[in-house]
């Protein structure tokens, strides 16, 4: 998959879909399936135009939604779904001032040589979100590309959306989140050195580097881990601020892999969250924490083996 940045300068026609694609849920996946089919029909490269950072992170960072996927995670999923080209557009205040007509003429037509453009049913574009699908269709007729919209996709009895996934994760409803995503929710990252407290307590953990400043979930979870010699390695994970041992409030993801021995430092792992066991707690002593980890591990084994 080709990944480009900056002002687009395509050297061949593209079939486009546009959006943030946070989480790449079932609604996004339906769009990508339609995109790849239509790209083949019009002889163009199936391309995703996405934005970094999320527009709301630029204009109102304190109100911006938590991210479901880092840019790297999103690109990994898009590659697996058959996308040939992703253009990552830097979202700045000057970019946000492009009118709807300028966005189409300069980005879609001149920059990406759009031959086909697929958007969601709530798609808006241009300064002050002035552009809608009706305008996109008219501009497509002017510039020679076909615009199409895809209706809402439903899963788990609701509209598949990034917001619905965030709400399910925040509630600890891992089953609903997985239904909306079409896969278990996961976080990937490189194993970093931590404070080695888990090893001292008899429960050694892999400390996964977090790209999410505000993860969309927290607590203690039964997990499976990808990226090792054996797929679906079972374990128990803590995602949170570790209030028993730290007061800085920084989120940390630690995973204890069952029956594992070896060096994991610098390995890139993907942690799939399957069951929430409990909320994070502050214990009076490390001995109480140690005992609770044992109970969490036993419960995680039970759920993963069921």
Protein backbone atom coordinates (compact mmCIF):
# COMPACT_ATOMS: atom_id res chain seq x y z
CA UNK A 1 0.00 0.00 0.00
CA UNK A 2 1.29 3.44 -0.94
CA UNK A 3 1.12 6.17 1.72
CA UNK A 4 1.51 9.83 0.76
CA UNK A 5 1.45 13.04 2.77
CA UNK A 6 1.24 16.77 2.21
CA UNK A 7 -0.36 18.43 -0.79
CA UNK A 8 -1.51 15.63 -3.12
CA UNK A 9 0.20 15.18 -6.48
CA UNK A 10 -1.22 11.98 -7.98
CA UNK A 11 0.31 10.50 -11.12
CA UNK A 12 -2.71 8.41 -12.05
CA UNK A 13 -6.52 8.49 -11.61
CA UNK A 14 -7.90 7.63 -8.20
CA UNK A 15 -11.20 6.30 -6.91
CA UNK A 16 -11.64 8.01 -3.56
CA UNK A 17 -13.40 7.73 -0.28
CA UNK A 18 -12.95 10.49 2.27
CA UNK A 19 -13.06 10.51 6.05
CA UNK A 20 -11.27 10.01 9.36
CA UNK A 21 -12.00 6.25 9.44
CA UNK A 22 -11.34 6.08 13.17
CA UNK A 23 -11.66 2.44 14.20
CA UNK A 24 -12.45 1.26 10.63
CA UNK A 25 -15.78 -0.19 11.78
CA UNK A 26 -18.32 -2.15 9.70
CA UNK A 27 -19.70 1.02 8.11
CA UNK A 28 -16.22 1.97 6.97
CA UNK A 29 -15.59 -1.56 5.76
CA UNK A 30 -18.74 -1.49 3.62
CA UNK A 31 -17.49 1.73 2.03
CA UNK A 32 -14.08 0.22 1.34
CA UNK A 33 -15.62 -2.85 -0.28
CA UNK A 34 -17.72 -0.60 -2.53
CA UNK A 35 -14.68 1.56 -3.26
CA UNK A 36 -12.45 -1.31 -4.38
CA UNK A 37 -15.21 -2.68 -6.63
CA UNK A 38 -15.84 0.69 -8.28
CA UNK A 39 -12.14 1.44 -8.60
CA UNK A 40 -11.74 -1.67 -10.72
CA UNK A 41 -14.77 -0.69 -12.81
CA UNK A 42 -13.43 2.80 -13.63
CA UNK A 43 -9.77 1.81 -13.95
CA UNK A 44 -8.56 3.84 -10.97
CA UNK A 45 -6.55 3.25 -7.81
CA UNK A 46 -8.67 2.58 -4.68
CA UNK A 47 -7.62 5.46 -2.43
CA UNK A 48 -8.54 6.70 1.03
CA UNK A 49 -8.19 10.42 1.78
CA UNK A 50 -7.91 10.87 5.52
CA UNK A 51 -6.93 13.69 7.86
CA UNK A 52 -4.35 14.13 10.60
CA UNK A 53 -5.08 15.37 13.18
CA UNK A 54 -8.83 14.90 13.55
CA UNK A 55 -10.43 18.32 12.81
CA UNK A 56 -11.92 18.51 16.31
CA UNK A 57 -8.46 17.95 17.80
CA UNK A 58 -7.39 21.15 16.05
CA UNK A 59 -10.33 23.38 16.89
CA UNK A 60 -11.49 22.07 20.29
CA UNK A 61 -8.94 19.56 21.64
CA UNK A 62 -10.59 19.41 25.07
CA UNK A 63 -13.83 18.25 23.43
CA UNK A 64 -12.31 16.00 20.77
CA UNK A 65 -13.38 12.34 20.92
CA UNK A 66 -10.98 9.71 22.17
CA UNK A 67 -9.21 7.95 19.32
CA UNK A 68 -10.05 4.34 18.60
CA UNK A 69 -6.97 3.84 16.43
CA UNK A 70 -3.62 5.52 16.03
CA UNK A 71 -2.60 6.48 12.51
CA UNK A 72 -0.37 3.39 12.28
CA UNK A 73 -3.19 1.08 13.43
CA UNK A 74 -5.60 2.65 10.96
CA UNK A 75 -3.14 2.21 8.09
CA UNK A 76 -2.57 -1.44 9.03
CA UNK A 77 -6.31 -2.15 8.89
CA UNK A 78 -6.80 -0.25 5.61
CA UNK A 79 -3.97 -2.24 4.02
CA UNK A 80 -5.57 -5.51 5.12
CA UNK A 81 -8.86 -4.41 3.54
CA UNK A 82 -7.38 -3.95 0.09
CA UNK A 83 -6.77 -0.19 -0.04
CA UNK A 84 -3.93 0.55 -2.49
CA UNK A 85 -3.25 4.18 -1.59
CA UNK A 86 -3.82 6.34 1.49
CA UNK A 87 -3.23 10.06 1.31
CA UNK A 88 -2.84 11.57 4.78
CA UNK A 89 -3.81 15.22 4.55
CA UNK A 90 -2.41 17.48 7.25
CA UNK A 91 -5.41 19.25 8.73
CA UNK A 92 -4.42 22.83 9.56
CA UNK A 93 -6.31 26.08 10.03
CA UNK A 94 -5.34 27.21 6.52
CA UNK A 95 -6.56 23.91 5.06
CA UNK A 96 -9.83 24.29 6.99
CA UNK A 97 -10.40 27.64 5.26
CA UNK A 98 -10.68 26.05 1.79
CA UNK A 99 -14.18 26.54 0.45
CA UNK A 100 -16.13 23.47 -0.62
CA UNK A 101 -15.46 24.33 -4.29
CA UNK A 102 -11.72 24.87 -3.63
CA UNK A 103 -11.49 21.56 -1.77
CA UNK A 104 -12.95 19.69 -4.73
CA UNK A 105 -10.98 21.57 -7.41
CA UNK A 106 -7.58 21.65 -5.67
CA UNK A 107 -7.55 18.45 -3.60
CA UNK A 108 -9.83 15.98 -5.35
CA UNK A 109 -9.40 17.01 -8.99
CA UNK A 110 -5.99 18.66 -9.38
CA UNK A 111 -4.28 16.80 -6.54
CA UNK A 112 -5.78 13.31 -6.68
CA UNK A 113 -7.23 13.12 -10.22
CA UNK A 114 -10.51 11.81 -8.85
CA UNK A 115 -12.55 9.65 -11.20
CA UNK A 116 -14.98 8.36 -8.55
CA UNK A 117 -15.76 9.71 -5.06
CA UNK A 118 -17.65 7.70 -2.42
CA UNK A 119 -18.82 9.35 0.82
CA UNK A 120 -21.07 8.58 3.76
CA UNK A 121 -24.63 9.81 4.02
CA UNK A 122 -23.64 12.52 6.53
CA UNK A 123 -20.56 13.78 4.65
CA UNK A 124 -19.83 17.53 4.79
CA UNK A 125 -16.79 19.33 3.41
CA UNK A 126 -15.17 22.71 2.96
CA UNK A 127 -15.00 25.75 5.24
CA UNK A 128 -17.79 25.77 7.85
CA UNK A 129 -18.85 22.36 6.49
CA UNK A 130 -20.73 24.17 3.75
CA UNK A 131 -20.46 21.40 1.14
CA UNK A 132 -22.90 18.50 1.02
CA UNK A 133 -23.53 15.53 -1.27
CA UNK A 134 -25.73 17.56 -3.64
CA UNK A 135 -22.88 20.03 -4.22
CA UNK A 136 -20.36 17.20 -4.58
CA UNK A 137 -22.56 15.65 -7.28
CA UNK A 138 -22.81 18.93 -9.20
CA UNK A 139 -19.06 19.50 -9.00
CA UNK A 140 -18.47 15.93 -10.14
CA UNK A 141 -20.50 16.63 -13.26
CA UNK A 142 -18.39 19.72 -13.88
CA UNK A 143 -15.00 18.06 -13.33
CA UNK A 144 -15.70 14.59 -14.68
CA UNK A 145 -15.95 12.33 -11.64
CA UNK A 146 -18.92 10.35 -10.36
CA UNK A 147 -20.06 10.89 -6.78
CA UNK A 148 -21.88 8.24 -4.80
CA UNK A 149 -23.11 7.95 -1.24
CA UNK A 150 -23.47 4.81 0.85
CA UNK A 151 -26.41 4.42 3.24
CA UNK A 152 -26.04 3.69 6.92
CA UNK A 153 -24.78 0.25 7.95
CA UNK A 154 -26.33 -1.26 11.08
CA UNK A 155 -24.85 -3.77 13.50
CA UNK A 156 -25.83 -4.87 17.00
CA UNK A 157 -29.17 -3.13 16.43
CA UNK A 158 -27.64 0.31 15.94
CA UNK A 159 -25.90 2.50 13.38
CA UNK A 160 -22.28 1.43 12.98
CA UNK A 161 -20.28 4.50 13.93
CA UNK A 162 -17.09 5.46 15.74
CA UNK A 163 -19.24 7.10 18.42
CA UNK A 164 -21.17 3.87 19.04
CA UNK A 165 -17.90 1.94 19.35
CA UNK A 166 -16.54 4.47 21.87
CA UNK A 167 -19.71 4.25 23.93
CA UNK A 168 -19.57 0.45 24.01
CA UNK A 169 -15.92 0.46 25.05
CA UNK A 170 -16.49 3.08 27.75
CA UNK A 171 -19.30 0.88 29.13
CA UNK A 172 -17.09 -2.22 29.10
CA UNK A 173 -19.35 -3.88 26.53
CA UNK A 174 -16.65 -5.62 24.54
CA UNK A 175 -19.12 -7.86 22.69
CA UNK A 176 -21.05 -4.92 21.21
CA UNK A 177 -17.83 -3.12 20.31
CA UNK A 178 -16.64 -6.26 18.49
CA UNK A 179 -19.95 -6.52 16.61
CA UNK A 180 -19.66 -2.91 15.44
CA UNK A 181 -16.03 -3.33 14.43
CA UNK A 182 -16.34 -6.78 12.92
CA UNK A 183 -13.40 -7.85 15.09
CA UNK A 184 -12.30 -7.51 18.72
CA UNK A 185 -11.14 -4.04 19.69
CA UNK A 186 -7.36 -3.91 19.86
CA UNK A 187 -4.43 -1.63 20.63
CA UNK A 188 -1.01 -2.24 19.11
CA UNK A 189 2.38 -0.93 20.11
CA UNK A 190 5.99 -1.70 20.86
CA UNK A 191 7.04 -3.32 24.13
CA UNK A 192 8.95 -0.79 26.23
CA UNK A 193 10.84 -0.97 29.51
CA UNK A 194 8.69 -0.13 32.51
CA UNK A 195 9.35 -0.08 36.24
CA UNK A 196 9.43 -3.92 36.42
CA UNK A 197 6.94 -3.91 39.31
CA UNK A 198 4.98 -6.78 37.78
CA UNK A 199 8.07 -8.99 37.81
CA UNK A 200 8.70 -8.12 41.46
CA UNK A 201 5.11 -9.09 42.29
CA UNK A 202 5.42 -12.41 40.48
CA UNK A 203 3.34 -11.31 37.50
CA UNK A 204 5.77 -10.09 34.79
CA UNK A 205 4.13 -7.85 32.22
CA UNK A 206 4.82 -6.47 28.75
CA UNK A 207 4.55 -2.68 28.87
CA UNK A 208 2.96 -1.64 25.55
CA UNK A 209 3.74 1.84 24.26
CA UNK A 210 0.48 3.77 23.93
CA UNK A 211 -0.12 6.11 21.01
CA UNK A 212 -3.50 7.07 22.52
CA UNK A 213 -3.25 9.99 24.91
CA UNK A 214 -6.78 9.15 26.07
CA UNK A 215 -7.58 5.50 25.45
CA UNK A 216 -11.30 4.83 24.85
CA UNK A 217 -11.45 2.17 27.57
CA UNK A 218 -9.88 1.43 30.94
CA UNK A 219 -9.87 -1.33 33.48
CA UNK A 220 -8.73 -4.94 33.73
CA UNK A 221 -9.35 -7.25 30.76
CA UNK A 222 -9.00 -10.80 29.49
CA UNK A 223 -7.02 -10.46 26.27
CA UNK A 224 -5.39 -12.31 23.43
CA UNK A 225 -2.15 -11.05 21.92
CA UNK A 226 -1.00 -11.16 18.31
CA UNK A 227 2.57 -10.78 17.09
CA UNK A 228 4.16 -13.74 18.86
CA UNK A 229 5.23 -17.10 17.47
CA UNK A 230 1.95 -18.53 18.71
CA UNK A 231 -1.16 -16.62 17.57
CA UNK A 232 -3.90 -15.63 20.01
CA UNK A 233 -1.66 -15.80 23.07
CA UNK A 234 -3.94 -15.53 26.14
CA UNK A 235 -3.34 -13.09 28.95
CA UNK A 236 -4.68 -10.51 31.34
CA UNK A 237 -4.17 -6.78 30.83
CA UNK A 238 -4.41 -3.60 32.85
CA UNK A 239 -5.15 -0.36 31.01
CA UNK A 240 -5.24 2.70 33.23
CA UNK A 241 -3.28 4.96 35.54
CA UNK A 242 -2.23 2.31 38.12
CA UNK A 243 -3.44 4.34 41.15
CA UNK A 244 -1.87 1.97 43.68
CA UNK A 245 1.67 2.77 42.55
CA UNK A 246 1.47 6.02 40.56
CA UNK A 247 -0.17 9.40 40.97
CA UNK A 248 0.77 11.04 37.66
CA UNK A 249 -2.45 9.94 35.92
CA UNK A 250 -0.73 8.77 32.73
CA UNK A 251 -2.41 5.76 31.08
CA UNK A 252 -0.37 2.57 30.82
CA UNK A 253 -1.10 -0.73 29.08
CA UNK A 254 0.47 -3.76 30.75
CA UNK A 255 -0.12 -7.35 29.67
CA UNK A 256 0.72 -10.53 31.53
CA UNK A 257 0.96 -13.42 29.05
CA UNK A 258 0.00 -16.77 30.49
CA UNK A 259 2.73 -19.43 30.54
CA UNK A 260 5.15 -17.26 28.57
CA UNK A 261 8.90 -16.95 29.05
CA UNK A 262 11.24 -14.94 26.89
CA UNK A 263 12.35 -11.43 25.98
CA UNK A 264 9.64 -9.24 24.45
CA UNK A 265 11.41 -5.89 24.45
CA UNK A 266 11.04 -4.01 21.14
CA UNK A 267 8.48 -6.54 19.85
CA UNK A 268 5.42 -4.99 18.21
CA UNK A 269 2.29 -6.60 19.67
CA UNK A 270 -1.44 -6.22 19.12
CA UNK A 271 -3.61 -6.68 22.20
CA UNK A 272 -7.22 -7.77 21.60
CA UNK A 273 -9.62 -6.89 24.43
CA UNK A 274 -12.19 -9.68 24.79
CA UNK A 275 -13.75 -9.40 28.27
CA UNK A 276 -13.73 -6.66 30.88
CA UNK A 277 -13.09 -8.12 34.33
CA UNK A 278 -13.42 -5.05 36.54
CA UNK A 279 -12.66 -1.37 36.96
CA UNK A 280 -9.27 -0.14 38.10
CA UNK A 281 -8.87 0.10 41.88
CA UNK A 282 -6.48 1.61 44.37
CA UNK A 283 -5.28 -0.96 46.92
CA UNK A 284 -3.97 -0.28 50.40
CA UNK A 285 -0.80 -2.32 49.82
CA UNK A 286 1.18 -4.10 47.13
CA UNK A 287 0.26 -7.39 48.81
CA UNK A 288 -3.44 -6.68 48.21
CA UNK A 289 -2.67 -5.75 44.60
CA UNK A 290 -0.69 -8.97 44.15
CA UNK A 291 -3.56 -11.07 45.46
CA UNK A 292 -6.07 -9.33 43.19
CA UNK A 293 -3.86 -9.86 40.13
CA UNK A 294 -3.96 -13.57 40.92
CA UNK A 295 -7.76 -13.52 41.04
CA UNK A 296 -7.91 -11.50 37.80
CA UNK A 297 -5.60 -13.96 36.04
CA UNK A 298 -7.67 -16.93 37.16
CA UNK A 299 -10.90 -15.29 35.94
CA UNK A 300 -9.29 -14.34 32.61
CA UNK A 301 -8.14 -17.92 32.06
CA UNK A 302 -11.63 -19.14 32.81
CA UNK A 303 -13.26 -16.76 30.31
CA UNK A 304 -10.69 -17.37 27.57
CA UNK A 305 -11.00 -21.13 27.91
CA UNK A 306 -14.80 -21.09 27.89
